[in-house]
C-alpha atoms as a PDB file:
ATOM      1  CA  UNK A   1       0.000   0.000   0.000  1.00  0.00           C
ATOM      2  CA  UNK A   2       2.886   2.356   0.730  1.00  0.00           C
ATOM      3  CA  UNK A   3       4.319   1.777  -2.733  1.00  0.00           C
ATOM      4  CA  UNK A   4       1.046   2.871  -4.311  1.00  0.00           C
ATOM      5  CA  UNK A   5       1.049   6.072  -2.262  1.00  0.00           C
ATOM      6  CA  UNK A   6       4.645   6.779  -3.245  1.00  0.00           C
ATOM      7  CA  UNK A   7       3.951   6.228  -6.941  1.00  0.00           C
ATOM      8  CA  UNK A   8       0.932   8.552  -6.802  1.00  0.00           C
ATOM      9  CA  UNK A   9       3.039  11.163  -5.014  1.00  0.00           C
ATOM     10  CA  UNK A  10       5.811  10.897  -7.607  1.00  0.00           C
ATOM     11  CA  UNK A  11       3.304  11.227 -10.428  1.00  0.00           C
ATOM     12  CA  UNK A  12       1.751  14.351  -8.902  1.00  0.00           C
ATOM     13  CA  UNK A  13       5.140  15.980  -8.296  1.00  0.00           C
ATOM     14  CA  UNK A  14       6.424  15.204 -11.794  1.00  0.00           C
ATOM     15  CA  UNK A  15       3.270  16.491 -13.491  1.00  0.00           C
ATOM     16  CA  UNK A  16       3.369  19.675 -11.402  1.00  0.00           C
ATOM     17  CA  UNK A  17       7.028  20.095 -12.360  1.00  0.00           C
ATOM     18  CA  UNK A  18       6.234  19.703 -16.061  1.00  0.00           C
ATOM     19  CA  UNK A  19       3.421  22.267 -15.798  1.00  0.00           C
ATOM     20  CA  UNK A  20       5.799  24.678 -14.061  1.00  0.00           C
ATOM     21  CA  UNK A  21       8.454  24.131 -16.750  1.00  0.00           C
ATOM     22  CA  UNK A  22       5.884  24.833 -19.440  1.00  0.00           C
ATOM     23  CA  UNK A  23       4.836  28.036 -17.679  1.00  0.00           C
ATOM     24  CA  UNK A  24       8.475  29.105 -17.423  1.00  0.00           C
ATOM     25  CA  UNK A  25       9.042  28.359 -21.105  1.00  0.00           C
ATOM     26  CA  UNK A  26       5.944  30.383 -21.982  1.00  0.00           C
ATOM     27  CA  UNK A  27       7.333  33.392 -20.120  1.00  0.00           C
ATOM     28  CA  UNK A  28      10.259  33.436 -22.542  1.00  0.00           C
ATOM     29  CA  UNK A  29       8.806  32.293 -25.847  1.00  0.00           C
ATOM     30  CA  UNK A  30       5.021  32.612 -25.945  1.00  0.00           C
ATOM     31  CA  UNK A  31       2.637  35.510 -26.575  1.00  0.00           C
ATOM     32  CA  UNK A  32       1.113  37.234 -23.518  1.00  0.00           C
ATOM     33  CA  UNK A  33      -2.185  35.321 -23.594  1.00  0.00           C
ATOM     34  CA  UNK A  34      -0.351  31.976 -23.620  1.00  0.00           C
ATOM     35  CA  UNK A  35       1.898  33.136 -20.776  1.00  0.00           C
ATOM     36  CA  UNK A  36      -1.064  33.886 -18.560  1.00  0.00           C
ATOM     37  CA  UNK A  37      -2.850  30.670 -19.515  1.00  0.00           C
ATOM     38  CA  UNK A  38       0.206  28.499 -18.866  1.00  0.00           C
ATOM     39  CA  UNK A  39       0.809  30.179 -15.525  1.00  0.00           C
ATOM     40  CA  UNK A  40      -2.800  29.683 -14.449  1.00  0.00           C
ATOM     41  CA  UNK A  41      -2.684  26.029 -15.513  1.00  0.00           C
ATOM     42  CA  UNK A  42       0.504  25.416 -13.550  1.00  0.00           C
ATOM     43  CA  UNK A  43      -0.967  27.088 -10.469  1.00  0.00           C
ATOM     44  CA  UNK A  44      -4.199  25.097 -10.804  1.00  0.00           C
ATOM     45  CA  UNK A  45      -2.390  21.795 -11.064  1.00  0.00           C
ATOM     46  CA  UNK A  46       0.010  22.576  -8.242  1.00  0.00           C
ATOM     47  CA  UNK A  47      -2.723  23.783  -5.887  1.00  0.00           C
ATOM     48  CA  UNK A  48      -4.523  20.457  -6.342  1.00  0.00           C
ATOM     49  CA  UNK A  49      -1.625  18.037  -6.541  1.00  0.00           C
ATOM     50  CA  UNK A  50       0.844  19.284  -3.958  1.00  0.00           C
ATOM     51  CA  UNK A  51      -1.459  19.293  -0.890  1.00  0.00           C
ATOM     52  CA  UNK A  52      -2.443  15.765  -1.909  1.00  0.00           C
ATOM     53  CA  UNK A  53       1.265  14.851  -1.887  1.00  0.00           C
ATOM     54  CA  UNK A  54       1.671  16.381   1.563  1.00  0.00           C
ATOM     55  CA  UNK A  55      -1.303  14.469   2.946  1.00  0.00           C
ATOM     56  CA  UNK A  56       0.051  11.231   1.479  1.00  0.00           C
ATOM     57  CA  UNK A  57       3.463  11.924   3.030  1.00  0.00           C
ATOM     58  CA  UNK A  58       1.802  12.268   6.424  1.00  0.00           C
ATOM     59  CA  UNK A  59       0.116   8.885   5.813  1.00  0.00           C
ATOM     60  CA  UNK A  60       3.384   7.248   4.766  1.00  0.00           C
ATOM     61  CA  UNK A  61       5.181   8.378   7.909  1.00  0.00           C
ATOM     62  CA  UNK A  62       2.210   7.544  10.105  1.00  0.00           C
ATOM     63  CA  UNK A  63       1.943   9.175  13.526  1.00  0.00           C
ATOM     64  CA  UNK A  64       5.542  10.336  13.416  1.00  0.00           C
ATOM     65  CA  UNK A  65       4.697  12.570  10.428  1.00  0.00           C
ATOM     66  CA  UNK A  66       2.821  15.055  12.618  1.00  0.00           C
ATOM     67  CA  UNK A  67       5.371  15.251  15.414  1.00  0.00           C
ATOM     68  CA  UNK A  68       8.301  17.608  15.755  1.00  0.00           C
ATOM     69  CA  UNK A  69      10.757  14.777  15.056  1.00  0.00           C
ATOM     70  CA  UNK A  70      10.231  15.043  11.287  1.00  0.00           C
ATOM     71  CA  UNK A  71       9.700  18.082   9.072  1.00  0.00           C
ATOM     72  CA  UNK A  72       6.851  16.508   7.099  1.00  0.00           C
ATOM     73  CA  UNK A  73       4.145  18.443   8.946  1.00  0.00           C
ATOM     74  CA  UNK A  74       5.928  21.744   8.270  1.00  0.00           C
ATOM     75  CA  UNK A  75       6.092  21.042   4.533  1.00  0.00           C
ATOM     76  CA  UNK A  76       2.443  20.014   4.522  1.00  0.00           C
ATOM     77  CA  UNK A  77       1.383  23.231   6.249  1.00  0.00           C
ATOM     78  CA  UNK A  78       3.508  25.250   3.840  1.00  0.00           C
ATOM     79  CA  UNK A  79       1.885  23.494   0.867  1.00  0.00           C
ATOM     80  CA  UNK A  80      -1.582  24.242   2.220  1.00  0.00           C
ATOM     81  CA  UNK A  81      -0.797  27.906   2.822  1.00  0.00           C
ATOM     82  CA  UNK A  82       0.771  28.304  -0.631  1.00  0.00           C
ATOM     83  CA  UNK A  83      -2.247  26.743  -2.306  1.00  0.00           C
ATOM     84  CA  UNK A  84      -4.489  29.225  -0.493  1.00  0.00           C
ATOM     85  CA  UNK A  85      -2.184  32.152  -1.196  1.00  0.00           C
ATOM     86  CA  UNK A  86      -1.954  31.486  -4.947  1.00  0.00           C
ATOM     87  CA  UNK A  87      -5.638  30.733  -5.332  1.00  0.00           C
ATOM     88  CA  UNK A  88      -7.310  27.370  -5.312  1.00  0.00           C
ATOM     89  CA  UNK A  89      -7.666  25.191  -8.385  1.00  0.00           C
ATOM     90  CA  UNK A  90     -11.209  26.314  -9.197  1.00  0.00           C
ATOM     91  CA  UNK A  91     -10.136  29.966  -9.226  1.00  0.00           C
ATOM     92  CA  UNK A  92      -7.193  29.217 -11.512  1.00  0.00           C
ATOM     93  CA  UNK A  93      -9.318  27.075 -13.838  1.00  0.00           C
ATOM     94  CA  UNK A  94     -11.792  29.955 -14.137  1.00  0.00           C
ATOM     95  CA  UNK A  95      -8.877  32.117 -15.276  1.00  0.00           C
ATOM     96  CA  UNK A  96      -7.882  29.480 -17.832  1.00  0.00           C
ATOM     97  CA  UNK A  97     -11.459  29.440 -19.140  1.00  0.00           C
ATOM     98  CA  UNK A  98     -11.424  33.233 -19.443  1.00  0.00           C
ATOM     99  CA  UNK A  99      -8.242  33.055 -21.524  1.00  0.00           C
ATOM    100  CA  UNK A 100      -9.703  30.294 -23.687  1.00  0.00           C
ATOM    101  CA  UNK A 101     -12.914  32.222 -24.343  1.00  0.00           C
ATOM    102  CA  UNK A 102     -11.167  35.517 -25.111  1.00  0.00           C
ATOM    103  CA  UNK A 103      -7.784  34.507 -26.585  1.00  0.00           C
ATOM    104  CA  UNK A 104      -7.057  37.853 -28.248  1.00  0.00           C
ATOM    105  CA  UNK A 105      -7.359  39.978 -25.130  1.00  0.00           C
ATOM    106  CA  UNK A 106      -4.416  40.606 -22.880  1.00  0.00           C
ATOM    107  CA  UNK A 107      -4.989  40.266 -19.142  1.00  0.00           C
END
């Protein structure tokens, strides 16, 4: 069961990394509308996937994951606060839909 959690965590982290790389590439090479869309997509994916990774890490470490002996709980709290600070996935997906519906406008 732990292996399945670890594989799901790795998949979420790698997909979030690819979305972030695409957003970074778009900042250099894409038109402004694509930059904003790629950034919103990366934020949406990260705000969904990374708290899920943190919660799974707590499960993998068991009761020790929420004690002061390990830093897992600190990373999990940081992931939750960052997902709230950057906007949740539904907010970011609404922005992506706005860019898809009005591709010629700059936001």
